[in-house]
């Protein structure tokens, strides 16, 4: 019988990886002047991606 792991560890990893990916995406969009690279835009994108990941994968 395999263990699924601690949900807290999965949530922290989800948030960290979403933050890293969102930073790269927002930086790329700001490079092409499609979005501004601010803490708010990175945090909003990371939160949206983390929620989407949670709903699609972890649920």
C-alpha atoms as a PDB file:
ATOM      1  CA  UNK A   1       0.000   0.000   0.000  1.00  0.00           C
ATOM      2  CA  UNK A   2       1.573   3.277  -1.158  1.00  0.00           C
ATOM      3  CA  UNK A   3       1.297   6.547   0.700  1.00  0.00           C
ATOM      4  CA  UNK A   4      -0.043   9.649  -1.069  1.00  0.00           C
ATOM      5  CA  UNK A   5       2.137  11.929   1.037  1.00  0.00           C
ATOM      6  CA  UNK A   6       1.346  14.852   3.268  1.00  0.00           C
ATOM      7  CA  UNK A   7      -1.051  17.308   1.650  1.00  0.00           C
ATOM      8  CA  UNK A   8       0.785  20.260   3.248  1.00  0.00           C
ATOM      9  CA  UNK A   9       3.991  19.333   1.454  1.00  0.00           C
ATOM     10  CA  UNK A  10       2.113  19.028  -1.824  1.00  0.00           C
ATOM     11  CA  UNK A  11       0.477  22.421  -1.347  1.00  0.00           C
ATOM     12  CA  UNK A  12       3.779  24.132  -0.523  1.00  0.00           C
ATOM     13  CA  UNK A  13       5.441  22.566  -3.557  1.00  0.00           C
ATOM     14  CA  UNK A  14       2.477  23.616  -5.689  1.00  0.00           C
ATOM     15  CA  UNK A  15       2.770  27.209  -4.488  1.00  0.00           C
ATOM     16  CA  UNK A  16       6.545  27.364  -4.934  1.00  0.00           C
ATOM     17  CA  UNK A  17       6.505  25.886  -8.416  1.00  0.00           C
ATOM     18  CA  UNK A  18       3.567  28.083  -9.425  1.00  0.00           C
ATOM     19  CA  UNK A  19       5.440  31.136  -8.175  1.00  0.00           C
ATOM     20  CA  UNK A  20       8.572  30.206 -10.116  1.00  0.00           C
ATOM     21  CA  UNK A  21       6.642  29.507 -13.311  1.00  0.00           C
ATOM     22  CA  UNK A  22       4.563  32.669 -12.929  1.00  0.00           C
ATOM     23  CA  UNK A  23       7.699  34.759 -12.476  1.00  0.00           C
ATOM     24  CA  UNK A  24       9.092  33.458 -15.758  1.00  0.00           C
ATOM     25  CA  UNK A  25       5.784  33.936 -17.591  1.00  0.00           C
ATOM     26  CA  UNK A  26       5.212  37.487 -16.346  1.00  0.00           C
ATOM     27  CA  UNK A  27       8.837  38.391 -17.044  1.00  0.00           C
ATOM     28  CA  UNK A  28       8.430  37.078 -20.600  1.00  0.00           C
ATOM     29  CA  UNK A  29       5.233  39.057 -21.082  1.00  0.00           C
ATOM     30  CA  UNK A  30       6.901  42.194 -19.764  1.00  0.00           C
ATOM     31  CA  UNK A  31       9.830  41.604 -22.114  1.00  0.00           C
ATOM     32  CA  UNK A  32       7.406  41.925 -25.033  1.00  0.00           C
ATOM     33  CA  UNK A  33       5.529  44.820 -23.324  1.00  0.00           C
ATOM     34  CA  UNK A  34       2.347  42.787 -22.929  1.00  0.00           C
ATOM     35  CA  UNK A  35       2.207  43.053 -19.120  1.00  0.00           C
ATOM     36  CA  UNK A  36       4.005  44.860 -16.340  1.00  0.00           C
ATOM     37  CA  UNK A  37       6.414  42.935 -14.148  1.00  0.00           C
ATOM     38  CA  UNK A  38       5.181  43.754 -10.659  1.00  0.00           C
ATOM     39  CA  UNK A  39       4.869  41.790  -7.464  1.00  0.00           C
ATOM     40  CA  UNK A  40       1.096  42.009  -7.742  1.00  0.00           C
ATOM     41  CA  UNK A  41       0.977  40.558 -11.265  1.00  0.00           C
ATOM     42  CA  UNK A  42       3.338  37.722 -10.347  1.00  0.00           C
ATOM     43  CA  UNK A  43       1.396  36.929  -7.167  1.00  0.00           C
ATOM     44  CA  UNK A  44      -1.956  37.004  -8.968  1.00  0.00           C
ATOM     45  CA  UNK A  45      -0.700  34.726 -11.716  1.00  0.00           C
ATOM     46  CA  UNK A  46       0.886  32.351  -9.199  1.00  0.00           C
ATOM     47  CA  UNK A  47      -2.275  32.156  -7.124  1.00  0.00           C
ATOM     48  CA  UNK A  48      -4.430  31.487 -10.178  1.00  0.00           C
ATOM     49  CA  UNK A  49      -2.037  28.800 -11.392  1.00  0.00           C
ATOM     50  CA  UNK A  50      -1.836  27.176  -7.940  1.00  0.00           C
ATOM     51  CA  UNK A  51      -5.622  27.033  -7.642  1.00  0.00           C
ATOM     52  CA  UNK A  52      -5.946  25.636 -11.155  1.00  0.00           C
ATOM     53  CA  UNK A  53      -3.285  23.020 -10.422  1.00  0.00           C
ATOM     54  CA  UNK A  54      -4.967  22.070  -7.160  1.00  0.00           C
ATOM     55  CA  UNK A  55      -8.345  21.661  -8.816  1.00  0.00           C
ATOM     56  CA  UNK A  56      -7.055  19.664 -11.778  1.00  0.00           C
ATOM     57  CA  UNK A  57      -4.337  17.525 -10.219  1.00  0.00           C
ATOM     58  CA  UNK A  58      -4.533  17.286  -6.453  1.00  0.00           C
ATOM     59  CA  UNK A  59      -8.296  17.019  -6.046  1.00  0.00           C
END
